[in-house]
Amino acid sequence: MRSLLTAGVTCLVALAPLTAQADEVDVDMHQISKDGVGASIGTVKATDGADGLMLELDLTGLQAGPHGFHVHEHGSCDMAEKDGAMVSGLSAGGHYDPHGSGKHLGPTGEGHLGDLPLIEVGDGGQPVMASLTVPRLKVSDIRGRALMIHEGGDNYSDEPKPLGGGGARVACGVIPE
């Protein structure tokens, strides 16, 4: 009996590192435009952390200034038609909002879960902050969806412009399942 108990404990100890590993996924990010999905601009690594989803940004080629950053509903970066015109990345759908809040209140607010922290890009085309934390998400929430970078900043409000005023979708990556 004692040897069975020892074997069971040994087995649990051996498996513990496997269950303690954080979930993670790498997302290849690409420019998007009226011509469709374009060149790679780098990667975003998403990892489960103690304080929520951790995003490691290894991006280049973005215009200097603030950029809205979101998880979108569908895992596609393709163009789609809206009001008779083709729109970059529109097949990704809207911001991820699994609870149907319909509110745009930022990464720590009570609104939709798709709001990510703003990306501030320096003159060299790279994000000033290479790591971001999103407290209300984990990797399993975002698998099969899209990461989207918008042309302009995001004020996490629908005033004075809808969806924070980020404007056009300029970069996108499909998050693997």
Foldseek 3Di string as FASTA:
>chain_A
DVVVVVVVVVVCVVCVVVVPAWDKFKWFKFWWDLVWTHDTFGIWIWTQDPQAIKIFDDGFDAAAFKKWKWWAQAQDQGWDDDPRGTATRCVLPGGAAVPPQPFQAALPDPGGNTGFDIFGADRRGGTPDRMGHRRPHGLVSRARHKMWIANHHAPSHPPPHHRRPRHGTTMMTGIHD
